[in-house]
Amino acid sequence: MKKLLTIFMLTLLFASPTKAKDSCSTVFCMAGMLQGSGVVSGCKGFVQDYFDIIKFNSHGGISINKTFSARGQFLGKCTTAGNWPHMINSQYGRQLEL
């Protein structure tokens, strides 16, 4: 499964031009992280897109809960990813940086 996911991710990354804020590419890159691959080559920007989502409360401080929710919504835009967005957001959604 790990090899299949890696092959799929590499095919996806090299077969099409890289686009920032692409939720499906972010999901595929972060699925590799979740499985222990770390940030693989070509995924840094997609992973950074996820961690760049930070929401603030009414006092100007970071709201961990709003950040978690916004990141989940971003990953949820990738409707073909099954349960991966939920698993990724559960692991990294409250983290402020990698």
C-alpha atoms as a PDB file:
ATOM      1  CA  MET A   1       0.000   0.000   0.000  1.00  0.00           C
ATOM      2  CA  LYS A   2       2.838   2.356   0.887  1.00  0.00           C
ATOM      3  CA  LYS A   3       4.592   1.743  -2.440  1.00  0.00           C
ATOM      4  CA  LEU A   4       1.342   2.189  -4.354  1.00  0.00           C
ATOM      5  CA  LEU A   5       0.653   5.501  -2.607  1.00  0.00           C
ATOM      6  CA  THR A   6       4.205   6.692  -3.281  1.00  0.00           C
ATOM      7  CA  ILE A   7       3.975   5.784  -6.961  1.00  0.00           C
ATOM      8  CA  PHE A   8       0.585   7.479  -7.231  1.00  0.00           C
ATOM      9  CA  MET A   9       1.886  10.624  -5.528  1.00  0.00           C
ATOM     10  CA  LEU A  10       4.925  10.827  -7.801  1.00  0.00           C
ATOM     11  CA  THR A  11       2.792  10.284 -10.893  1.00  0.00           C
ATOM     12  CA  LEU A  12       0.398  12.994  -9.762  1.00  0.00           C
ATOM     13  CA  LEU A  13       3.191  15.459  -9.041  1.00  0.00           C
ATOM     14  CA  PHE A  14       5.105  14.955 -12.270  1.00  0.00           C
ATOM     15  CA  ALA A  15       2.181  14.421 -14.628  1.00  0.00           C
ATOM     16  CA  SER A  16       0.625  17.825 -14.100  1.00  0.00           C
ATOM     17  CA  PRO A  17       1.957  21.295 -13.404  1.00  0.00           C
ATOM     18  CA  THR A  18       2.281  22.201  -9.764  1.00  0.00           C
ATOM     19  CA  LYS A  19      -0.439  24.447  -8.421  1.00  0.00           C
ATOM     20  CA  ALA A  20      -0.493  26.118  -5.055  1.00  0.00           C
ATOM     21  CA  LYS A  21      -3.522  25.595  -2.842  1.00  0.00           C
ATOM     22  CA  ASP A  22      -4.452  22.283  -4.486  1.00  0.00           C
ATOM     23  CA  SER A  23      -6.170  20.324  -1.729  1.00  0.00           C
ATOM     24  CA  CYS A  24      -5.803  16.908  -3.403  1.00  0.00           C
ATOM     25  CA  SER A  25      -2.049  17.321  -3.877  1.00  0.00           C
ATOM     26  CA  THR A  26      -1.804  18.432  -0.271  1.00  0.00           C
ATOM     27  CA  VAL A  27      -3.734  15.339   0.857  1.00  0.00           C
ATOM     28  CA  PHE A  28      -1.525  12.989  -1.157  1.00  0.00           C
ATOM     29  CA  CYS A  29       1.675  14.621   0.088  1.00  0.00           C
ATOM     30  CA  MET A  30       0.547  14.627   3.705  1.00  0.00           C
ATOM     31  CA  ALA A  31      -0.690  11.030   3.478  1.00  0.00           C
ATOM     32  CA  GLY A  32       2.928  10.099   2.867  1.00  0.00           C
ATOM     33  CA  MET A  33       3.934  12.076   5.955  1.00  0.00           C
ATOM     34  CA  LEU A  34       1.267  10.293   7.969  1.00  0.00           C
ATOM     35  CA  GLN A  35       2.769   6.961   6.916  1.00  0.00           C
ATOM     36  CA  GLY A  36       6.238   8.033   8.015  1.00  0.00           C
ATOM     37  CA  SER A  37       7.747   9.137   4.690  1.00  0.00           C
ATOM     38  CA  GLY A  38       8.289  12.708   5.849  1.00  0.00           C
ATOM     39  CA  VAL A  39       7.985  15.524   3.330  1.00  0.00           C
ATOM     40  CA  VAL A  40       9.010  13.957   0.030  1.00  0.00           C
ATOM     41  CA  SER A  41      10.585  15.835  -2.855  1.00  0.00           C
ATOM     42  CA  GLY A  42       8.070  18.031  -4.651  1.00  0.00           C
ATOM     43  CA  CYS A  43       5.681  18.196  -1.699  1.00  0.00           C
ATOM     44  CA  LYS A  44       7.110  21.023   0.374  1.00  0.00           C
ATOM     45  CA  GLY A  45       4.860  23.710  -1.156  1.00  0.00           C
ATOM     46  CA  PHE A  46       1.708  21.620  -0.794  1.00  0.00           C
ATOM     47  CA  VAL A  47       2.486  20.833   2.831  1.00  0.00           C
ATOM     48  CA  GLN A  48       3.270  24.498   3.468  1.00  0.00           C
ATOM     49  CA  ASP A  49      -0.112  25.467   1.970  1.00  0.00           C
ATOM     50  CA  TYR A  50      -1.715  23.421   4.751  1.00  0.00           C
ATOM     51  CA  PHE A  51       0.382  24.889   7.578  1.00  0.00           C
ATOM     52  CA  ASP A  52      -0.100  28.418   6.217  1.00  0.00           C
ATOM     53  CA  ILE A  53      -3.792  28.166   7.115  1.00  0.00           C
ATOM     54  CA  ILE A  54      -3.968  29.946  10.474  1.00  0.00           C
ATOM     55  CA  LYS A  55      -7.074  31.571  11.929  1.00  0.00           C
ATOM     56  CA  PHE A  56      -7.210  34.182  14.667  1.00  0.00           C
ATOM     57  CA  ASN A  57      -9.626  34.940  17.474  1.00  0.00           C
ATOM     58  CA  SER A  58     -11.265  38.307  18.127  1.00  0.00           C
ATOM     59  CA  HIS A  59      -8.297  39.414  20.271  1.00  0.00           C
ATOM     60  CA  GLY A  60      -5.745  38.788  17.515  1.00  0.00           C
ATOM     61  CA  GLY A  61      -4.354  35.578  18.982  1.00  0.00           C
ATOM     62  CA  ILE A  62      -4.211  32.300  17.109  1.00  0.00           C
ATOM     63  CA  SER A  63      -7.358  30.219  17.459  1.00  0.00           C
ATOM     64  CA  ILE A  64      -6.327  26.570  17.430  1.00  0.00           C
ATOM     65  CA  ASN A  65      -9.934  25.394  17.005  1.00  0.00           C
ATOM     66  CA  LYS A  66     -10.667  27.741  14.082  1.00  0.00           C
ATOM     67  CA  THR A  67      -7.348  26.795  12.492  1.00  0.00           C
ATOM     68  CA  PHE A  68      -8.168  23.094  12.885  1.00  0.00           C
ATOM     69  CA  SER A  69     -11.579  23.616  11.299  1.00  0.00           C
ATOM     70  CA  ALA A  70     -10.257  25.694   8.379  1.00  0.00           C
ATOM     71  CA  ARG A  71      -7.539  23.158   7.620  1.00  0.00           C
ATOM     72  CA  GLY A  72     -10.111  20.375   7.689  1.00  0.00           C
ATOM     73  CA  GLN A  73     -12.321  22.289   5.259  1.00  0.00           C
ATOM     74  CA  PHE A  74      -9.381  22.828   2.913  1.00  0.00           C
ATOM     75  CA  LEU A  75      -8.478  19.125   2.863  1.00  0.00           C
ATOM     76  CA  GLY A  76     -12.163  18.219   2.574  1.00  0.00           C
ATOM     77  CA  LYS A  77     -12.282  19.907  -0.839  1.00  0.00           C
ATOM     78  CA  CYS A  78     -10.525  16.820  -2.169  1.00  0.00           C
ATOM     79  CA  THR A  79     -13.626  14.658  -2.473  1.00  0.00           C
ATOM     80  CA  THR A  80     -11.775  11.643  -3.886  1.00  0.00           C
ATOM     81  CA  ALA A  81      -9.435  11.171  -0.925  1.00  0.00           C
ATOM     82  CA  GLY A  82     -11.641   8.984   1.249  1.00  0.00           C
ATOM     83  CA  ASN A  83     -10.809   9.234   4.946  1.00  0.00           C
ATOM     84  CA  TRP A  84      -7.301  10.667   4.430  1.00  0.00           C
ATOM     85  CA  PRO A  85      -8.284  14.321   5.037  1.00  0.00           C
ATOM     86  CA  HIS A  86      -9.785  13.424   8.417  1.00  0.00           C
ATOM     87  CA  MET A  87      -6.765  11.338   9.447  1.00  0.00           C
ATOM     88  CA  ILE A  88      -4.316  14.042   8.345  1.00  0.00           C
ATOM     89  CA  ASN A  89      -6.196  16.833  10.078  1.00  0.00           C
ATOM     90  CA  SER A  90      -6.527  14.766  13.262  1.00  0.00           C
ATOM     91  CA  GLN A  91      -2.733  14.364  13.334  1.00  0.00           C
ATOM     92  CA  TYR A  92      -1.565  17.804  12.153  1.00  0.00           C
ATOM     93  CA  GLY A  93      -4.570  20.162  12.338  1.00  0.00           C
ATOM     94  CA  ARG A  94      -3.647  21.724  15.659  1.00  0.00           C
ATOM     95  CA  GLN A  95       0.072  21.953  14.921  1.00  0.00           C
ATOM     96  CA  LEU A  96       1.255  25.453  14.056  1.00  0.00           C
ATOM     97  CA  GLU A  97       4.310  24.329  12.078  1.00  0.00           C
ATOM     98  CA  LEU A  98       5.937  21.195  10.848  1.00  0.00           C
END
